[in-house]
Each structure stands twice: as C-alpha cells, then as structure tokens.
Amino acid sequence: MPMIANRLRDRMARFLIAQNEPQREALKLVCRDQSLPLMVRLKAQLELQKFPRYTRPVGVHNKCTESGKTRGLITEFKLSKIVFREKALAGELPGVRKSTW
C-alpha cells in the first residue's frame, strides 16, 4: 500500500506543478526584469512566495512507474533496473531482448 500512495502522491504533484507552471514562470520573469520598478518586482516576489510549496518543480524526482523507486532508474522506460530486467526477460518490453557479445 505505501508504494501505491507514493506513486499517487508523485502523480498529483506532477499535475499540480504543470497546472501552476505558467503563473509561476510569469512571476519569475517579472521578478528578474531589472527594467521594472523595485516595488513591482517585490510584489511579484511576494505573490510567488504565496504559492503552495508542492507547486515547486524542485520536489519532483524521476521514479519507476511500477515500483516507485527513485534509484537505479532506466529513464527511457521509466522503470527501475530490477523491474526492467523482469519485464525484459518476460518479453513485455517491445524491442528489448537479452544481448550476448
């Protein structure tokens, strides 16, 4: 059950980040624009700080879609190396086969 909760939390975080990204980027641009008055930039910075913490893209890490593991990830398939090996040996990944050299 905990792994399912982690995957759901990660999916929800990614959704909220994508939903709030345009507003956050616009406020960041206003904060960095040196041609604008200082008070306008400070107001934009305060608005940016009012956003919830979970809308920041820094907190999202790549995770395995099957197990939720963050380490040992094969990014092309979004699977951990353990799950990747199991699925590859079972023939569940198209175009992937065991190699010999």
PDB file of N, CA and C in Angstrom:
ATOM      1  N   MET A   1       0.802  -1.212   0.000  1.00  0.00           N
ATOM      2  CA  MET A   1       0.000   0.000   0.000  1.00  0.00           C
ATOM      3  C   MET A   1       0.843   1.276   0.000  1.00  0.00           C
ATOM      4  N   PRO A   2       1.977   1.322   0.740  1.00  0.00           N
ATOM      5  CA  PRO A   2       2.756   2.566   0.740  1.00  0.00           C
ATOM      6  C   PRO A   2       3.286   2.933  -0.641  1.00  0.00           C
ATOM      7  N   MET A   3       3.672   1.940  -1.448  1.00  0.00           N
ATOM      8  CA  MET A   3       4.186   2.241  -2.779  1.00  0.00           C
ATOM      9  C   MET A   3       3.104   2.864  -3.651  1.00  0.00           C
ATOM     10  N   ILE A   4       1.881   2.390  -3.523  1.00  0.00           N
ATOM     11  CA  ILE A   4       0.780   2.960  -4.298  1.00  0.00           C
ATOM     12  C   ILE A   4       0.551   4.402  -3.875  1.00  0.00           C
ATOM     13  N   ALA A   5       0.623   4.661  -2.584  1.00  0.00           N
ATOM     14  CA  ALA A   5       0.435   6.028  -2.090  1.00  0.00           C
ATOM     15  C   ALA A   5       1.543   6.944  -2.600  1.00  0.00           C
ATOM     16  N   ASN A   6       2.773   6.446  -2.640  1.00  0.00           N
ATOM     17  CA  ASN A   6       3.883   7.257  -3.154  1.00  0.00           C
ATOM     18  C   ASN A   6       3.688   7.590  -4.621  1.00  0.00           C
ATOM     19  N   ARG A   7       3.241   6.611  -5.396  1.00  0.00           N
ATOM     20  CA  ARG A   7       3.024   6.858  -6.824  1.00  0.00           C
ATOM     21  C   ARG A   7       1.891   7.844  -7.037  1.00  0.00           C
ATOM     22  N   LEU A   8       0.828   7.722  -6.249  1.00  0.00           N
ATOM     23  CA  LEU A   8      -0.287   8.666  -6.372  1.00  0.00           C
ATOM     24  C   LEU A   8       0.133  10.073  -5.969  1.00  0.00           C
ATOM     25  N   ARG A   9       0.928  10.182  -4.910  1.00  0.00           N
ATOM     26  CA  ARG A   9       1.412  11.485  -4.467  1.00  0.00           C
ATOM     27  C   ARG A   9       2.294  12.120  -5.541  1.00  0.00           C
ATOM     28  N   ASP A  10       3.145  11.314  -6.160  1.00  0.00           N
ATOM     29  CA  ASP A  10       4.022  11.815  -7.215  1.00  0.00           C
ATOM     30  C   ASP A  10       3.202  12.271  -8.417  1.00  0.00           C
ATOM     31  N   ARG A  11       2.208  11.497  -8.794  1.00  0.00           N
ATOM     32  CA  ARG A  11       1.365  11.864  -9.933  1.00  0.00           C
ATOM     33  C   ARG A  11       0.602  13.155  -9.653  1.00  0.00           C
ATOM     34  N   MET A  12       0.098  13.310  -8.436  1.00  0.00           N
ATOM     35  CA  MET A  12      -0.632  14.524  -8.068  1.00  0.00           C
ATOM     36  C   MET A  12       0.307  15.731  -8.052  1.00  0.00           C
ATOM     37  N   ALA A  13       1.510  15.541  -7.548  1.00  0.00           N
ATOM     38  CA  ALA A  13       2.476  16.642  -7.518  1.00  0.00           C
ATOM     39  C   ALA A  13       2.824  17.088  -8.929  1.00  0.00           C
ATOM     40  N   ARG A  14       3.030  16.142  -9.835  1.00  0.00           N
ATOM     41  CA  ARG A  14       3.335  16.497 -11.224  1.00  0.00           C
ATOM     42  C   ARG A  14       2.170  17.245 -11.864  1.00  0.00           C
ATOM     43  N   PHE A  15       0.958  16.838 -11.565  1.00  0.00           N
ATOM     44  CA  PHE A  15      -0.224  17.514 -12.107  1.00  0.00           C
ATOM     45  C   PHE A  15      -0.306  18.953 -11.600  1.00  0.00           C
ATOM     46  N   LEU A  16      -0.106  19.155 -10.302  1.00  0.00           N
ATOM     47  CA  LEU A  16      -0.190  20.496  -9.731  1.00  0.00           C
ATOM     48  C   LEU A  16       0.938  21.398 -10.228  1.00  0.00           C
ATOM     49  N   ILE A  17       2.106  20.842 -10.423  1.00  0.00           N
ATOM     50  CA  ILE A  17       3.218  21.634 -10.952  1.00  0.00           C
ATOM     51  C   ILE A  17       2.908  22.085 -12.367  1.00  0.00           C
ATOM     52  N   ALA A  18       2.396  21.179 -13.183  1.00  0.00           N
ATOM     53  CA  ALA A  18       2.054  21.539 -14.562  1.00  0.00           C
ATOM     54  C   ALA A  18       0.928  22.564 -14.608  1.00  0.00           C
ATOM     55  N   GLN A  19       0.004  22.466 -13.680  1.00  0.00           N
ATOM     56  CA  GLN A  19      -1.134  23.386 -13.646  1.00  0.00           C
ATOM     57  C   GLN A  19      -0.700  24.802 -13.259  1.00  0.00           C
ATOM     58  N   ASN A  20       0.244  24.931 -12.346  1.00  0.00           N
ATOM     59  CA  ASN A  20       0.658  26.243 -11.845  1.00  0.00           C
ATOM     60  C   ASN A  20       1.908  26.792 -12.514  1.00  0.00           C
ATOM     61  N   GLU A  21       2.486  26.055 -13.443  1.00  0.00           N
ATOM     62  CA  GLU A  21       3.745  26.488 -14.052  1.00  0.00           C
ATOM     63  C   GLU A  21       3.641  27.812 -14.801  1.00  0.00           C
ATOM     64  N   PRO A  22       2.606  28.066 -15.610  1.00  0.00           N
ATOM     65  CA  PRO A  22       2.574  29.355 -16.333  1.00  0.00           C
ATOM     66  C   PRO A  22       2.558  30.573 -15.407  1.00  0.00           C
ATOM     67  N   GLN A  23       1.774  30.513 -14.331  1.00  0.00           N
ATOM     68  CA  GLN A  23       1.721  31.640 -13.400  1.00  0.00           C
ATOM     69  C   GLN A  23       3.067  31.831 -12.700  1.00  0.00           C
ATOM     70  N   ARG A  24       3.686  30.729 -12.296  1.00  0.00           N
ATOM     71  CA  ARG A  24       4.977  30.820 -11.611  1.00  0.00           C
ATOM     72  C   ARG A  24       6.043  31.392 -12.532  1.00  0.00           C
ATOM     73  N   GLU A  25       6.062  30.953 -13.781  1.00  0.00           N
ATOM     74  CA  GLU A  25       7.069  31.447 -14.723  1.00  0.00           C
ATOM     75  C   GLU A  25       6.865  32.928 -15.020  1.00  0.00           C
ATOM     76  N   ALA A  26       5.605  33.353 -15.137  1.00  0.00           N
ATOM     77  CA  ALA A  26       5.338  34.773 -15.390  1.00  0.00           C
ATOM     78  C   ALA A  26       5.824  35.626 -14.222  1.00  0.00           C
ATOM     79  N   LEU A  27       5.553  35.174 -13.003  1.00  0.00           N
ATOM     80  CA  LEU A  27       6.006  35.923 -11.832  1.00  0.00           C
ATOM     81  C   LEU A  27       7.534  35.924 -11.720  1.00  0.00           C
ATOM     82  N   LYS A  28       8.167  34.825 -12.088  1.00  0.00           N
ATOM     83  CA  LYS A  28       9.629  34.781 -12.064  1.00  0.00           C
ATOM     84  C   LYS A  28      10.223  35.774 -13.050  1.00  0.00           C
ATOM     85  N   LEU A  29       9.610  35.861 -14.235  1.00  0.00           N
ATOM     86  CA  LEU A  29      10.100  36.821 -15.227  1.00  0.00           C
ATOM     87  C   LEU A  29       9.971  38.250 -14.723  1.00  0.00           C
ATOM     88  N   VAL A  30       8.867  38.551 -14.056  1.00  0.00           N
ATOM     89  CA  VAL A  30       8.675  39.897 -13.509  1.00  0.00           C
ATOM     90  C   VAL A  30       9.709  40.165 -12.420  1.00  0.00           C
ATOM     91  N   CYS A  31       9.988  39.178 -11.586  1.00  0.00           N
ATOM     92  CA  CYS A  31      10.974  39.354 -10.509  1.00  0.00           C
ATOM     93  C   CYS A  31      12.372  39.622 -11.051  1.00  0.00           C
ATOM     94  N   ARG A  32      12.715  39.010 -12.168  1.00  0.00           N
ATOM     95  CA  ARG A  32      14.070  39.133 -12.710  1.00  0.00           C
ATOM     96  C   ARG A  32      14.251  40.325 -13.636  1.00  0.00           C
ATOM     97  N   ASP A  33      13.166  40.945 -14.067  1.00  0.00           N
ATOM     98  CA  ASP A  33      13.251  42.038 -15.037  1.00  0.00           C
ATOM     99  C   ASP A  33      13.745  43.305 -14.342  1.00  0.00           C
ATOM    100  N   GLN A  34      14.971  43.696 -14.633  1.00  0.00           N
ATOM    101  CA  GLN A  34      15.582  44.856 -13.991  1.00  0.00           C
ATOM    102  C   GLN A  34      14.999  46.177 -14.484  1.00  0.00           C
ATOM    103  N   SER A  35      14.303  46.164 -15.609  1.00  0.00           N
ATOM    104  CA  SER A  35      13.740  47.409 -16.135  1.00  0.00           C
ATOM    105  C   SER A  35      12.467  47.822 -15.401  1.00  0.00           C
ATOM    106  N   LEU A  36      11.862  46.916 -14.649  1.00  0.00           N
ATOM    107  CA  LEU A  36      10.646  47.238 -13.896  1.00  0.00           C
ATOM    108  C   LEU A  36      11.003  47.905 -12.571  1.00  0.00           C
ATOM    109  N   PRO A  37      10.070  48.688 -12.021  1.00  0.00           N
ATOM    110  CA  PRO A  37      10.327  49.314 -10.712  1.00  0.00           C
ATOM    111  C   PRO A  37      10.494  48.264  -9.608  1.00  0.00           C
ATOM    112  N   LEU A  38      11.198  48.656  -8.580  1.00  0.00           N
ATOM    113  CA  LEU A  38      11.501  47.741  -7.482  1.00  0.00           C
ATOM    114  C   LEU A  38      10.238  47.251  -6.785  1.00  0.00           C
ATOM    115  N   MET A  39       9.264  48.116  -6.584  1.00  0.00           N
ATOM    116  CA  MET A  39       8.040  47.719  -5.881  1.00  0.00           C
ATOM    117  C   MET A  39       7.251  46.671  -6.667  1.00  0.00           C
ATOM    118  N   VAL A  40       7.235  46.793  -7.977  1.00  0.00           N
ATOM    119  CA  VAL A  40       6.531  45.808  -8.809  1.00  0.00           C
ATOM    120  C   VAL A  40       7.209  44.448  -8.689  1.00  0.00           C
ATOM    121  N   ARG A  41       8.541  44.458  -8.708  1.00  0.00           N
ATOM    122  CA  ARG A  41       9.275  43.196  -8.582  1.00  0.00           C
ATOM    123  C   ARG A  41       9.081  42.575  -7.203  1.00  0.00           C
ATOM    124  N   LEU A  42       9.050  43.397  -6.171  1.00  0.00           N
ATOM    125  CA  LEU A  42       8.839  42.868  -4.822  1.00  0.00           C
ATOM    126  C   LEU A  42       7.439  42.293  -4.657  1.00  0.00           C
ATOM    127  N   LYS A  43       6.442  42.958  -5.248  1.00  0.00           N
ATOM    128  CA  LYS A  43       5.077  42.419  -5.188  1.00  0.00           C
ATOM    129  C   LYS A  43       4.995  41.076  -5.907  1.00  0.00           C
ATOM    130  N   ALA A  44       5.669  40.980  -7.044  1.00  0.00           N
ATOM    131  CA  ALA A  44       5.681  39.709  -7.775  1.00  0.00           C
ATOM    132  C   ALA A  44       6.367  38.623  -6.953  1.00  0.00           C
ATOM    133  N   GLN A  45       7.423  39.000  -6.249  1.00  0.00           N
ATOM    134  CA  GLN A  45       8.125  38.028  -5.415  1.00  0.00           C
ATOM    135  C   GLN A  45       7.243  37.566  -4.254  1.00  0.00           C
ATOM    136  N   LEU A  46       6.492  38.478  -3.663  1.00  0.00           N
ATOM    137  CA  LEU A  46       5.579  38.092  -2.587  1.00  0.00           C
ATOM    138  C   LEU A  46       4.476  37.175  -3.100  1.00  0.00           C
ATOM    139  N   GLU A  47       3.967  37.454  -4.292  1.00  0.00           N
ATOM    140  CA  GLU A  47       2.951  36.579  -4.891  1.00  0.00           C
ATOM    141  C   GLU A  47       3.534  35.193  -5.157  1.00  0.00           C
ATOM    142  N   LEU A  48       4.773  35.168  -5.583  1.00  0.00           N
ATOM    143  CA  LEU A  48       5.433  33.891  -5.849  1.00  0.00           C
ATOM    144  C   LEU A  48       5.607  33.091  -4.557  1.00  0.00           C
ATOM    145  N   GLN A  49       5.871  33.777  -3.466  1.00  0.00           N
ATOM    146  CA  GLN A  49       6.037  33.095  -2.184  1.00  0.00           C
ATOM    147  C   GLN A  49       4.712  32.590  -1.625  1.00  0.00           C
ATOM    148  N   LYS A  50       3.599  33.133  -2.086  1.00  0.00           N
ATOM    149  CA  LYS A  50       2.289  32.694  -1.603  1.00  0.00           C
ATOM    150  C   LYS A  50       1.844  31.368  -2.219  1.00  0.00           C
ATOM    151  N   PHE A  51       2.505  30.960  -3.308  1.00  0.00           N
ATOM    152  CA  PHE A  51       2.155  29.679  -3.912  1.00  0.00           C
ATOM    153  C   PHE A  51       2.456  28.555  -2.929  1.00  0.00           C
ATOM    154  N   PRO A  52       1.667  27.498  -2.937  1.00  0.00           N
ATOM    155  CA  PRO A  52       1.956  26.364  -2.053  1.00  0.00           C
ATOM    156  C   PRO A  52       3.304  25.727  -2.379  1.00  0.00           C
ATOM    157  N   ARG A  53       3.885  25.108  -1.394  1.00  0.00           N
ATOM    158  CA  ARG A  53       5.211  24.527  -1.545  1.00  0.00           C
ATOM    159  C   ARG A  53       5.221  23.383  -2.560  1.00  0.00           C
ATOM    160  N   TYR A  54       4.140  22.644  -2.636  1.00  0.00           N
ATOM    161  CA  TYR A  54       4.105  21.480  -3.516  1.00  0.00           C
ATOM    162  C   TYR A  54       3.911  21.840  -4.982  1.00  0.00           C
ATOM    163  N   THR A  55       3.872  23.137  -5.326  1.00  0.00           N
ATOM    164  CA  THR A  55       3.793  23.522  -6.732  1.00  0.00           C
ATOM    165  C   THR A  55       5.165  23.847  -7.305  1.00  0.00           C
ATOM    166  N   ARG A  56       6.218  23.644  -6.525  1.00  0.00           N
ATOM    167  CA  ARG A  56       7.579  23.901  -7.000  1.00  0.00           C
ATOM    168  C   ARG A  56       8.109  22.655  -7.710  1.00  0.00           C
ATOM    169  N   PRO A  57       8.676  22.834  -8.884  1.00  0.00           N
ATOM    170  CA  PRO A  57       9.156  21.658  -9.619  1.00  0.00           C
ATOM    171  C   PRO A  57      10.407  21.014  -9.028  1.00  0.00           C
ATOM    172  N   VAL A  58      11.028  21.634  -8.052  1.00  0.00           N
ATOM    173  CA  VAL A  58      12.245  21.081  -7.461  1.00  0.00           C
ATOM    174  C   VAL A  58      11.963  19.775  -6.726  1.00  0.00           C
ATOM    175  N   GLY A  59      10.793  19.626  -6.166  1.00  0.00           N
ATOM    176  CA  GLY A  59      10.488  18.465  -5.344  1.00  0.00           C
ATOM    177  C   GLY A  59      10.131  17.204  -6.087  1.00  0.00           C
ATOM    178  N   VAL A  60      10.047  17.251  -7.402  1.00  0.00           N
ATOM    179  CA  VAL A  60       9.650  16.073  -8.164  1.00  0.00           C
ATOM    180  C   VAL A  60      10.889  15.391  -8.726  1.00  0.00           C
ATOM    181  N   HIS A  61      11.005  14.100  -8.476  1.00  0.00           N
ATOM    182  CA  HIS A  61      12.127  13.312  -8.965  1.00  0.00           C
ATOM    183  C   HIS A  61      11.595  12.234  -9.899  1.00  0.00           C
ATOM    184  N   ASN A  62      12.441  11.780 -10.797  1.00  0.00           N
ATOM    185  CA  ASN A  62      12.050  10.679 -11.672  1.00  0.00           C
ATOM    186  C   ASN A  62      11.910   9.419 -10.839  1.00  0.00           C
ATOM    187  N   LYS A  63      10.805   8.698 -11.052  1.00  0.00           N
ATOM    188  CA  LYS A  63      10.541   7.483 -10.297  1.00  0.00           C
ATOM    189  C   LYS A  63      10.086   6.380 -11.228  1.00  0.00           C
ATOM    190  N   CYS A  64      10.268   5.161 -10.777  1.00  0.00           N
ATOM    191  CA  CYS A  64       9.798   3.996 -11.514  1.00  0.00           C
ATOM    192  C   CYS A  64       8.272   3.995 -11.502  1.00  0.00           C
ATOM    193  N   THR A  65       7.670   3.759 -12.667  1.00  0.00           N
ATOM    194  CA  THR A  65       6.210   3.775 -12.740  1.00  0.00           C
ATOM    195  C   THR A  65       5.591   2.525 -12.135  1.00  0.00           C
ATOM    196  N   GLU A  66       6.368   1.464 -11.976  1.00  0.00           N
ATOM    197  CA  GLU A  66       5.841   0.222 -11.415  1.00  0.00           C
ATOM    198  C   GLU A  66       6.041   0.138  -9.904  1.00  0.00           C
ATOM    199  N   SER A  67       7.267   0.425  -9.458  1.00  0.00           N
ATOM    200  CA  SER A  67       7.580   0.221  -8.047  1.00  0.00           C
ATOM    201  C   SER A  67       7.706   1.510  -7.253  1.00  0.00           C
ATOM    202  N   GLY A  68       7.899   2.643  -7.921  1.00  0.00           N
ATOM    203  CA  GLY A  68       8.049   3.909  -7.218  1.00  0.00           C
ATOM    204  C   GLY A  68       9.462   4.184  -6.744  1.00  0.00           C
ATOM    205  N   LYS A  69      10.416   3.329  -7.106  1.00  0.00           N
ATOM    206  CA  LYS A  69      11.804   3.523  -6.681  1.00  0.00           C
ATOM    207  C   LYS A  69      12.412   4.717  -7.405  1.00  0.00           C
ATOM    208  N   THR A  70      13.310   5.439  -6.726  1.00  0.00           N
ATOM    209  CA  THR A  70      13.946   6.605  -7.331  1.00  0.00           C
ATOM    210  C   THR A  70      15.369   6.312  -7.791  1.00  0.00           C
ATOM    211  N   ARG A  71      15.950   5.250  -7.309  1.00  0.00           N
ATOM    212  CA  ARG A  71      17.329   4.931  -7.675  1.00  0.00           C
ATOM    213  C   ARG A  71      17.365   3.776  -8.670  1.00  0.00           C
ATOM    214  N   GLY A  72      18.436   3.726  -9.442  1.00  0.00           N
ATOM    215  CA  GLY A  72      18.592   2.653 -10.415  1.00  0.00           C
ATOM    216  C   GLY A  72      17.548   2.729 -11.506  1.00  0.00           C
ATOM    217  N   LEU A  73      17.279   3.928 -11.988  1.00  0.00           N
ATOM    218  CA  LEU A  73      16.201   4.140 -12.949  1.00  0.00           C
ATOM    219  C   LEU A  73      16.738   4.135 -14.373  1.00  0.00           C
ATOM    220  N   ILE A  74      16.057   3.440 -15.252  1.00  0.00           N
ATOM    221  CA  ILE A  74      16.353   3.495 -16.680  1.00  0.00           C
ATOM    222  C   ILE A  74      15.345   4.466 -17.266  1.00  0.00           C
ATOM    223  N   THR A  75      15.815   5.676 -17.591  1.00  0.00           N
ATOM    224  CA  THR A  75      14.908   6.788 -17.879  1.00  0.00           C
ATOM    225  C   THR A  75      14.118   6.617 -19.161  1.00  0.00           C
ATOM    226  N   GLU A  76      14.656   5.907 -20.159  1.00  0.00           N
ATOM    227  CA  GLU A  76      13.914   5.749 -21.408  1.00  0.00           C
ATOM    228  C   GLU A  76      12.606   4.996 -21.192  1.00  0.00           C
ATOM    229  N   PHE A  77      12.604   4.081 -20.232  1.00  0.00           N
ATOM    230  CA  PHE A  77      11.426   3.266 -19.967  1.00  0.00           C
ATOM    231  C   PHE A  77      10.704   3.676 -18.690  1.00  0.00           C
ATOM    232  N   LYS A  78      11.295   4.569 -17.911  1.00  0.00           N
ATOM    233  CA  LYS A  78      10.759   4.997 -16.619  1.00  0.00           C
ATOM    234  C   LYS A  78      10.536   3.799 -15.694  1.00  0.00           C
ATOM    235  N   LEU A  79      11.507   2.888 -15.713  1.00  0.00           N
ATOM    236  CA  LEU A  79      11.450   1.693 -14.879  1.00  0.00           C
ATOM    237  C   LEU A  79      12.760   1.556 -14.114  1.00  0.00           C
ATOM    238  N   SER A  80      12.679   0.971 -12.914  1.00  0.00           N
ATOM    239  CA  SER A  80      13.906   0.681 -12.183  1.00  0.00           C
ATOM    240  C   SER A  80      14.596  -0.495 -12.862  1.00  0.00           C
ATOM    241  N   LYS A  81      15.877  -0.660 -12.584  1.00  0.00           N
ATOM    242  CA  LYS A  81      16.628  -1.708 -13.279  1.00  0.00           C
ATOM    243  C   LYS A  81      16.105  -3.101 -12.940  1.00  0.00           C
ATOM    244  N   ILE A  82      15.552  -3.274 -11.757  1.00  0.00           N
ATOM    245  CA  ILE A  82      15.019  -4.576 -11.358  1.00  0.00           C
ATOM    246  C   ILE A  82      13.752  -4.890 -12.149  1.00  0.00           C
ATOM    247  N   VAL A  83      12.832  -3.932 -12.198  1.00  0.00           N
ATOM    248  CA  VAL A  83      11.581  -4.124 -12.930  1.00  0.00           C
ATOM    249  C   VAL A  83      11.865  -4.234 -14.424  1.00  0.00           C
ATOM    250  N   PHE A  84      12.828  -3.440 -14.910  1.00  0.00           N
ATOM    251  CA  PHE A  84      13.198  -3.501 -16.323  1.00  0.00           C
ATOM    252  C   PHE A  84      13.681  -4.898 -16.688  1.00  0.00           C
ATOM    253  N   ARG A  85      14.537  -5.462 -15.851  1.00  0.00           N
ATOM    254  CA  ARG A  85      15.073  -6.796 -16.135  1.00  0.00           C
ATOM    255  C   ARG A  85      13.967  -7.840 -16.140  1.00  0.00           C
ATOM    256  N   GLU A  86      13.064  -7.766 -15.155  1.00  0.00           N
ATOM    257  CA  GLU A  86      11.960  -8.731 -15.097  1.00  0.00           C
ATOM    258  C   GLU A  86      11.080  -8.640 -16.336  1.00  0.00           C
ATOM    259  N   LYS A  87      10.735  -7.423 -16.730  1.00  0.00           N
ATOM    260  CA  LYS A  87       9.865  -7.240 -17.891  1.00  0.00           C
ATOM    261  C   LYS A  87      10.574  -7.610 -19.189  1.00  0.00           C
ATOM    262  N   ALA A  88      11.865  -7.319 -19.281  1.00  0.00           N
ATOM    263  CA  ALA A  88      12.611  -7.657 -20.491  1.00  0.00           C
ATOM    264  C   ALA A  88      12.725  -9.173 -20.650  1.00  0.00           C
ATOM    265  N   LEU A  89      12.999  -9.872 -19.569  1.00  0.00           N
ATOM    266  CA  LEU A  89      13.105 -11.330 -19.639  1.00  0.00           C
ATOM    267  C   LEU A  89      11.756 -11.979 -19.927  1.00  0.00           C
ATOM    268  N   ALA A  90      10.680 -11.347 -19.481  1.00  0.00           N
ATOM    269  CA  ALA A  90       9.340 -11.880 -19.750  1.00  0.00           C
ATOM    270  C   ALA A  90       8.854 -11.507 -21.146  1.00  0.00           C
ATOM    271  N   GLY A  91       9.595 -10.635 -21.840  1.00  0.00           N
ATOM    272  CA  GLY A  91       9.202 -10.231 -23.188  1.00  0.00           C
ATOM    273  C   GLY A  91       8.097  -9.198 -23.215  1.00  0.00           C
ATOM    274  N   GLU A  92       7.942  -8.441 -22.151  1.00  0.00           N
ATOM    275  CA  GLU A  92       6.874  -7.446 -22.068  1.00  0.00           C
ATOM    276  C   GLU A  92       7.290  -6.081 -22.600  1.00  0.00           C
ATOM    277  N   LEU A  93       8.564  -5.899 -22.917  1.00  0.00           N
ATOM    278  CA  LEU A  93       9.046  -4.629 -23.460  1.00  0.00           C
ATOM    279  C   LEU A  93       9.347  -4.813 -24.946  1.00  0.00           C
ATOM    280  N   PRO A  94       8.603  -4.153 -25.815  1.00  0.00           N
ATOM    281  CA  PRO A  94       8.838  -4.333 -27.247  1.00  0.00           C
ATOM    282  C   PRO A  94      10.194  -3.767 -27.660  1.00  0.00           C
ATOM    283  N   GLY A  95      10.905  -4.528 -28.472  1.00  0.00           N
ATOM    284  CA  GLY A  95      12.197  -4.088 -28.979  1.00  0.00           C
ATOM    285  C   GLY A  95      13.356  -4.327 -28.037  1.00  0.00           C
ATOM    286  N   VAL A  96      13.121  -4.943 -26.903  1.00  0.00           N
ATOM    287  CA  VAL A  96      14.184  -5.207 -25.932  1.00  0.00           C
ATOM    288  C   VAL A  96      14.368  -6.711 -25.836  1.00  0.00           C
ATOM    289  N   ARG A  97      15.609  -7.142 -25.994  1.00  0.00           N
ATOM    290  CA  ARG A  97      15.897  -8.558 -25.854  1.00  0.00           C
ATOM    291  C   ARG A  97      17.250  -8.732 -25.188  1.00  0.00           C
ATOM    292  N   LYS A  98      17.458  -9.895 -24.656  1.00  0.00           N
ATOM    293  CA  LYS A  98      18.704 -10.180 -23.966  1.00  0.00           C
ATOM    294  C   LYS A  98      19.848 -10.193 -24.972  1.00  0.00           C
ATOM    295  N   SER A  99      20.931  -9.553 -24.595  1.00  0.00           N
ATOM    296  CA  SER A  99      22.052  -9.400 -25.513  1.00  0.00           C
ATOM    297  C   SER A  99      23.177 -10.357 -25.151  1.00  0.00           C
ATOM    298  N   THR A 100      23.901 -10.793 -26.173  1.00  0.00           N
ATOM    299  CA  THR A 100      25.114 -11.575 -25.964  1.00  0.00           C
ATOM    300  C   THR A 100      26.212 -10.969 -26.805  1.00  0.00           C
ATOM    301  N   TRP A 101      27.428 -11.003 -26.278  1.00  0.00           N
ATOM    302  CA  TRP A 101      28.551 -10.466 -27.051  1.00  0.00           C
ATOM    303  C   TRP A 101      29.816 -11.209 -26.736  1.00  0.00           C
TER     304      TRP A 101
END
